[in-house]
Protein backbone atom coordinates (compact mmCIF):
# COMPACT_ATOMS: atom_id res chain seq x y z
CA UNK A 1 25.26 -66.40 6.09
CA UNK A 2 25.88 -63.88 3.50
CA UNK A 3 26.50 -66.62 0.81
CA UNK A 4 23.44 -68.44 2.04
CA UNK A 5 21.22 -65.30 1.63
CA UNK A 6 22.77 -64.75 -1.68
CA UNK A 7 21.75 -68.22 -2.74
CA UNK A 8 18.18 -67.62 -1.50
CA UNK A 9 17.94 -64.37 -3.69
CA UNK A 10 19.24 -66.37 -6.56
CA UNK A 11 16.38 -68.85 -6.25
CA UNK A 12 13.80 -65.93 -6.00
CA UNK A 13 15.22 -64.22 -9.08
CA UNK A 14 15.42 -67.66 -11.02
CA UNK A 15 11.86 -68.27 -10.29
CA UNK A 16 10.63 -64.86 -11.26
CA UNK A 17 13.05 -64.24 -14.31
CA UNK A 18 13.52 -67.78 -15.89
CA UNK A 19 15.06 -66.34 -19.07
CA UNK A 20 18.08 -64.89 -17.27
CA UNK A 21 21.42 -66.24 -17.48
CA UNK A 22 23.11 -67.78 -14.57
CA UNK A 23 25.56 -64.77 -14.48
CA UNK A 24 22.93 -62.20 -14.49
CA UNK A 25 21.04 -64.07 -11.71
CA UNK A 26 24.33 -64.17 -9.77
CA UNK A 27 25.34 -60.49 -10.37
CA UNK A 28 21.88 -59.22 -9.61
CA UNK A 29 21.65 -61.16 -6.50
CA UNK A 30 25.00 -59.52 -5.23
CA UNK A 31 23.54 -56.20 -5.74
CA UNK A 32 20.32 -56.93 -3.91
CA UNK A 33 22.33 -58.75 -0.92
CA UNK A 34 24.67 -55.73 -0.56
CA UNK A 35 21.67 -53.11 -0.64
CA UNK A 36 19.86 -55.23 1.98
CA UNK A 37 23.16 -55.32 4.20
CA UNK A 38 23.39 -51.40 3.82
CA UNK A 39 19.75 -51.13 4.82
CA UNK A 40 20.27 -53.37 8.00
CA UNK A 41 23.39 -51.38 8.92
CA UNK A 42 21.55 -48.10 8.60
CA UNK A 43 18.20 -48.76 10.24
CA UNK A 44 18.97 -51.65 12.43
CA UNK A 45 22.57 -52.23 13.64
CA UNK A 46 23.51 -48.52 13.98
CA UNK A 47 20.20 -47.64 16.09
CA UNK A 48 21.11 -50.55 18.29
CA UNK A 49 24.27 -48.70 19.14
CA UNK A 50 22.95 -45.14 19.13
CA UNK A 51 19.58 -45.43 20.84
CA UNK A 52 18.97 -41.62 21.27
CA UNK A 53 15.54 -40.87 19.63
CA UNK A 54 16.79 -38.05 17.50
CA UNK A 55 19.67 -40.11 16.33
CA UNK A 56 17.47 -43.20 15.50
CA UNK A 57 14.89 -40.89 13.65
CA UNK A 58 17.79 -39.45 11.53
CA UNK A 59 19.12 -42.83 10.64
CA UNK A 60 15.81 -43.96 9.52
CA UNK A 61 15.18 -40.86 7.58
CA UNK A 62 18.56 -41.65 5.67
CA UNK A 63 16.95 -44.69 4.25
CA UNK A 64 13.09 -43.72 4.10
CA UNK A 65 13.16 -39.96 4.35
CA UNK A 66 11.21 -37.96 7.00
CA UNK A 67 8.03 -39.10 5.49
CA UNK A 68 8.71 -42.44 6.89
CA UNK A 69 8.75 -46.21 6.11
CA UNK A 70 5.01 -46.45 5.76
CA UNK A 71 4.79 -43.85 3.04
CA UNK A 72 7.91 -45.19 1.29
CA UNK A 73 6.43 -48.79 1.36
CA UNK A 74 2.88 -47.87 0.07
CA UNK A 75 3.73 -45.05 -2.40
CA UNK A 76 7.32 -45.29 -3.19
CA UNK A 77 9.34 -42.07 -3.47
CA UNK A 78 6.94 -39.25 -3.38
CA UNK A 79 9.82 -36.54 -3.73
CA UNK A 80 13.10 -36.20 -5.38
CA UNK A 81 14.55 -34.79 -2.11
CA UNK A 82 16.41 -37.20 -0.04
CA UNK A 83 15.32 -35.51 3.00
CA UNK A 84 11.65 -36.27 2.26
CA UNK A 85 11.98 -39.73 0.66
CA UNK A 86 15.34 -40.97 1.70
CA UNK A 87 18.70 -41.43 0.00
CA UNK A 88 18.11 -44.74 -1.93
CA UNK A 89 16.71 -43.46 -5.26
CA UNK A 90 17.86 -40.00 -4.89
CA UNK A 91 20.35 -38.33 -7.17
CA UNK A 92 24.09 -39.43 -6.47
CA UNK A 93 26.14 -36.68 -4.86
CA UNK A 94 29.89 -36.64 -4.34
CA UNK A 95 29.74 -33.27 -2.67
CA UNK A 96 32.60 -31.97 -4.89
CA UNK A 97 35.19 -34.72 -4.04
CA UNK A 98 35.91 -38.16 -5.05
CA UNK A 99 34.32 -40.73 -2.57
CA UNK A 100 36.75 -42.60 -0.07
CA UNK A 101 36.50 -44.00 3.35
CA UNK A 102 38.52 -41.21 5.14
CA UNK A 103 41.32 -41.64 7.41
CA UNK A 104 39.26 -39.85 10.03
CA UNK A 105 36.62 -42.59 9.77
CA UNK A 106 39.08 -45.38 10.01
CA UNK A 107 40.51 -43.69 13.16
CA UNK A 108 37.23 -43.29 15.10
CA UNK A 109 35.54 -46.50 13.90
CA UNK A 110 37.93 -48.80 15.68
CA UNK A 111 35.51 -50.82 17.78
CA UNK A 112 37.65 -53.66 19.25
CA UNK A 113 36.27 -53.17 22.74
CA UNK A 114 32.95 -54.49 21.57
CA UNK A 115 34.65 -57.89 21.37
CA UNK A 116 34.66 -59.92 24.74
CA UNK A 117 37.47 -62.22 25.72
CA UNK A 118 35.12 -64.84 27.28
CA UNK A 119 32.14 -66.50 25.70
CA UNK A 120 29.53 -68.97 27.14
CA UNK A 121 27.57 -71.08 24.62
CA UNK A 122 24.03 -72.16 25.55
CA UNK A 123 21.57 -74.59 24.16
CA UNK A 124 18.48 -73.07 22.31
CA UNK A 125 16.50 -76.03 23.41
CA UNK A 126 16.87 -75.68 27.25
CA UNK A 127 19.41 -72.85 27.93
CA UNK A 128 21.94 -75.41 29.37
CA UNK A 129 25.58 -74.48 29.03
CA UNK A 130 27.13 -76.35 26.12
CA UNK A 131 30.71 -74.88 26.42
CA UNK A 132 32.72 -72.03 27.74
CA UNK A 133 35.31 -70.56 25.26
CA UNK A 134 37.69 -67.69 24.93
CA UNK A 135 38.20 -65.57 21.92
CA UNK A 136 41.02 -67.68 20.28
CA UNK A 137 38.45 -70.56 20.24
CA UNK A 138 36.38 -68.48 17.79
CA UNK A 139 38.93 -67.42 15.35
CA UNK A 140 39.94 -69.06 11.95
CA UNK A 141 39.46 -72.81 11.69
CA UNK A 142 38.85 -72.98 15.52
CA UNK A 143 35.54 -71.16 14.79
CA UNK A 144 34.59 -73.52 12.01
CA UNK A 145 35.26 -76.43 14.39
CA UNK A 146 33.22 -74.75 17.08
CA UNK A 147 30.13 -74.27 14.73
CA UNK A 148 30.44 -77.76 13.65
CA UNK A 149 30.51 -79.00 17.32
CA UNK A 150 27.76 -76.95 18.77
CA UNK A 151 25.64 -76.25 15.76
CA UNK A 152 25.00 -72.68 14.09
CA UNK A 153 21.66 -72.20 15.83
CA UNK A 154 23.15 -72.56 19.24
CA UNK A 155 25.92 -70.32 18.41
CA UNK A 156 23.78 -67.65 17.04
CA UNK A 157 21.42 -67.89 19.92
CA UNK A 158 24.41 -67.65 22.46
CA UNK A 159 25.58 -64.35 20.77
CA UNK A 160 21.94 -63.01 20.47
CA UNK A 161 21.38 -63.29 24.23
CA UNK A 162 24.75 -61.84 25.07
CA UNK A 163 25.95 -58.24 25.40
CA UNK A 164 28.87 -56.63 23.53
CA UNK A 165 31.83 -54.98 25.44
CA UNK A 166 31.55 -51.28 26.04
CA UNK A 167 33.46 -48.77 24.00
CA UNK A 168 35.50 -47.42 26.94
CA UNK A 169 39.01 -47.28 28.19
CA UNK A 170 40.30 -50.35 29.80
CA UNK A 171 38.14 -52.70 27.83
CA UNK A 172 40.16 -53.74 24.88
CA UNK A 173 40.05 -57.48 24.67
CA UNK A 174 43.25 -59.07 26.23
CA UNK A 175 43.44 -61.68 23.53
CA UNK A 176 43.72 -58.77 20.93
CA UNK A 177 46.63 -57.34 22.95
CA UNK A 178 48.46 -60.51 22.36
CA UNK A 179 47.08 -61.78 19.33
CA UNK A 180 48.82 -64.64 17.71
CA UNK A 181 48.76 -64.66 13.87
CA UNK A 182 48.83 -67.74 11.70
CA UNK A 183 52.45 -67.38 11.29
CA UNK A 184 53.19 -67.15 14.94
CA UNK A 185 53.70 -63.49 15.18
CA UNK A 186 52.28 -62.03 18.23
CA UNK A 187 50.61 -58.57 17.74
CA UNK A 188 49.27 -56.03 20.24
CA UNK A 189 46.47 -54.65 18.38
CA UNK A 190 45.74 -51.93 21.03
CA UNK A 191 49.12 -50.50 20.36
CA UNK A 192 48.70 -50.85 16.55
CA UNK A 193 45.57 -49.01 16.66
CA UNK A 194 47.25 -45.91 18.21
CA UNK A 195 50.48 -46.16 16.24
CA UNK A 196 48.54 -46.39 12.96
CA UNK A 197 46.95 -42.96 13.57
CA UNK A 198 50.32 -41.44 14.37
CA UNK A 199 51.91 -42.84 11.25
CA UNK A 200 49.25 -41.64 9.01
CA UNK A 201 49.07 -38.17 10.57
CA UNK A 202 45.85 -38.29 12.22
CA UNK A 203 45.59 -35.36 14.64
CA UNK A 204 45.63 -35.86 18.39
CA UNK A 205 42.40 -35.67 20.33
CA UNK A 206 42.32 -32.01 21.04
CA UNK A 207 43.49 -30.93 17.55
CA UNK A 208 40.97 -33.40 16.05
CA UNK A 209 38.16 -31.65 17.99
CA UNK A 210 39.35 -28.23 16.99
CA UNK A 211 39.24 -29.19 13.30
CA UNK A 212 35.60 -30.35 13.80
CA UNK A 213 34.81 -26.83 15.46
CA UNK A 214 34.37 -28.68 18.89
CA UNK A 215 35.59 -27.33 22.07
CA UNK A 216 39.03 -29.01 23.06
CA UNK A 217 39.60 -30.39 26.63
CA UNK A 218 41.20 -27.75 28.72
CA UNK A 219 42.51 -30.47 31.21
CA UNK A 220 42.42 -34.11 31.89
CA UNK A 221 39.51 -33.67 34.15
CA UNK A 222 37.72 -31.81 31.37
CA UNK A 223 38.30 -34.60 28.93
CA UNK A 224 36.70 -37.36 31.11
CA UNK A 225 34.44 -37.49 34.02
CA UNK A 226 36.19 -40.50 35.56
CA UNK A 227 38.77 -39.14 37.94
CA UNK A 228 40.93 -42.37 37.87
CA UNK A 229 41.15 -42.11 34.02
CA UNK A 230 42.09 -38.51 34.25
CA UNK A 231 45.02 -39.34 36.53
CA UNK A 232 46.06 -42.34 34.41
CA UNK A 233 45.90 -40.12 31.26
CA UNK A 234 48.02 -37.47 32.95
CA UNK A 235 50.54 -40.00 34.14
CA UNK A 236 50.92 -41.37 30.48
CA UNK A 237 50.66 -38.12 28.50
CA UNK A 238 51.62 -35.21 30.83
CA UNK A 239 49.99 -32.78 28.52
CA UNK A 240 46.34 -32.96 27.49
CA UNK A 241 47.20 -31.91 23.96
CA UNK A 242 49.23 -34.98 23.53
CA UNK A 243 46.45 -37.29 24.14
CA UNK A 244 45.91 -39.59 21.10
CA UNK A 245 42.57 -39.64 19.40
CA UNK A 246 41.45 -43.09 20.25
CA UNK A 247 42.09 -42.94 23.99
CA UNK A 248 40.59 -39.58 24.04
CA UNK A 249 37.35 -40.85 22.27
CA UNK A 250 37.27 -43.92 24.68
CA UNK A 251 37.47 -41.55 27.75
CA UNK A 252 35.17 -38.70 27.00
CA UNK A 253 31.72 -38.93 28.55
CA UNK A 254 29.05 -40.44 26.44
CA UNK A 255 25.97 -38.53 25.30
CA UNK A 256 22.62 -40.12 26.40
CA UNK A 257 21.76 -43.30 24.55
CA UNK A 258 25.08 -43.57 22.71
CA UNK A 259 27.48 -46.32 22.67
CA UNK A 260 30.40 -44.22 21.35
CA UNK A 261 31.75 -40.65 21.94
CA UNK A 262 30.25 -37.61 20.50
CA UNK A 263 33.69 -36.89 18.72
CA UNK A 264 33.57 -40.24 16.94
CA UNK A 265 29.85 -39.59 16.19
CA UNK A 266 30.54 -36.46 14.33
CA UNK A 267 32.73 -38.39 11.86
CA UNK A 268 30.40 -41.55 11.68
CA UNK A 269 27.19 -39.87 11.00
CA UNK A 270 28.67 -37.99 7.96
CA UNK A 271 30.10 -41.25 6.49
CA UNK A 272 26.96 -43.22 7.31
CA UNK A 273 25.15 -40.91 4.77
CA UNK A 274 28.07 -40.37 2.38
CA UNK A 275 28.62 -44.01 1.66
CA UNK A 276 24.96 -44.13 0.34
CA UNK A 277 24.97 -40.64 -1.40
CA UNK A 278 28.19 -41.47 -3.49
CA UNK A 279 27.19 -44.96 -4.75
CA UNK A 280 25.22 -45.07 -7.89
CA UNK A 281 23.68 -48.40 -6.84
CA UNK A 282 22.06 -46.71 -3.84
CA UNK A 283 21.00 -43.49 -5.80
CA UNK A 284 20.49 -43.10 -9.48
CA UNK A 285 20.50 -46.75 -10.13
CA UNK A 286 18.44 -47.83 -7.22
CA UNK A 287 15.76 -48.77 -9.77
CA UNK A 288 13.47 -51.63 -11.13
CA UNK A 289 15.70 -51.86 -14.09
CA UNK A 290 18.91 -52.46 -12.13
CA UNK A 291 17.64 -54.33 -9.18
CA UNK A 292 14.39 -55.86 -10.72
CA UNK A 293 10.97 -55.33 -8.93
CA UNK A 294 11.71 -58.68 -7.02
CA UNK A 295 15.01 -57.28 -5.87
CA UNK A 296 13.58 -54.10 -4.56
CA UNK A 297 10.83 -55.83 -2.88
CA UNK A 298 13.36 -58.11 -1.25
CA UNK A 299 15.31 -55.07 0.01
CA UNK A 300 12.18 -53.42 1.31
CA UNK A 301 10.61 -56.46 2.93
CA UNK A 302 13.50 -57.95 4.76
CA UNK A 303 15.37 -57.35 7.92
CA UNK A 304 18.11 -59.00 10.05
CA UNK A 305 15.21 -60.96 11.72
CA UNK A 306 13.74 -62.30 8.54
CA UNK A 307 17.29 -63.23 7.19
CA UNK A 308 18.20 -65.19 10.42
CA UNK A 309 14.89 -66.89 10.53
CA UNK A 310 14.97 -67.81 6.77
CA UNK A 311 18.11 -69.83 7.24
CA UNK A 312 17.76 -70.76 11.00
CA UNK A 313 14.06 -71.14 11.77
CA UNK A 314 14.73 -72.71 15.07
CA UNK A 315 15.65 -69.27 16.38
CA UNK A 316 11.93 -68.25 16.31
CA UNK A 317 11.33 -68.50 20.07
CA UNK A 318 14.33 -66.16 20.84
CA UNK A 319 13.35 -63.59 18.16
CA UNK A 320 9.58 -63.75 18.52
CA UNK A 321 9.26 -60.68 20.64
CA UNK A 322 12.42 -58.81 19.52
CA UNK A 323 11.95 -55.69 17.39
CA UNK A 324 15.42 -55.25 16.34
CA UNK A 325 17.83 -58.46 16.08
CA UNK A 326 20.66 -56.37 17.18
CA UNK A 327 19.01 -55.94 20.54
CA UNK A 328 19.23 -58.68 23.12
CA UNK A 329 17.13 -61.66 22.21
CA UNK A 330 14.63 -63.52 24.47
CA UNK A 331 15.86 -66.15 26.59
CA UNK A 332 14.28 -69.68 25.84
CA UNK A 333 13.57 -69.82 29.63
CA UNK A 334 11.30 -66.97 29.31
CA UNK A 335 9.71 -67.94 25.86
């Protein structure tokens, strides 16, 4: 879909700026597409996972500022402050260090439990079951064949009315625990996730929290409110100080409206802003001269819903009453 959207942007730019070369159209469309994706991630995908009102307001302020979307749409930036008018178009800021996706972010942003093992594909026309599948049926060339067999709109609709897995202990997809690579090698990705943190020197759960100036868990019962998980963690680790970061974040109680832990959130929310702050194309070069007026309008006026409907108009009944395309869609039975 990314390539299809890129082509649509190219068509709009070609119509608006016929003197541009093919290369200029292509490269400017890449910028616009990337910025639209960053906006969708900031104000749609992330708030669908973190539904606490304060967090949602903060994420939207990252893009539009505390003055809000309506002011930004109607009047543009009314202040040089990113707090008031959002990060896009503000001054770039590296905060004294070169930008990089940090090891801490990689460690807390492992979200494999969101992936289910089993899938049911439905007809967009009448909700009838077209096929039941497992995760390997969706991977690589198998996924291409599945889309060809069922049709892209039916596949997208089926994902849209489904729910992801929970980011909790005991919910790692079994198919990724015995994942067969193209060369036949079998990988236990759950083990790899833990071992990578150890190999790269990522602190264990309690040490990690101390470095964030958060209270460490004094016991296994303090770490999790699930008595069975506390017993299992004690059996595996013996000492709460030895609990690895990933199992700890998957076991700790979730704040209201949050799909992942407070420990993970502290790292995530910093990087969510920083990846915009440090990129010149989202800050000092987020301008008409770089993106073109048509490009900035494209970013401003589009959402995940408009992108989906531009390329798959048959999804209209499922998305008609859905404010955020990352929330569950309407069943055609109820449309």
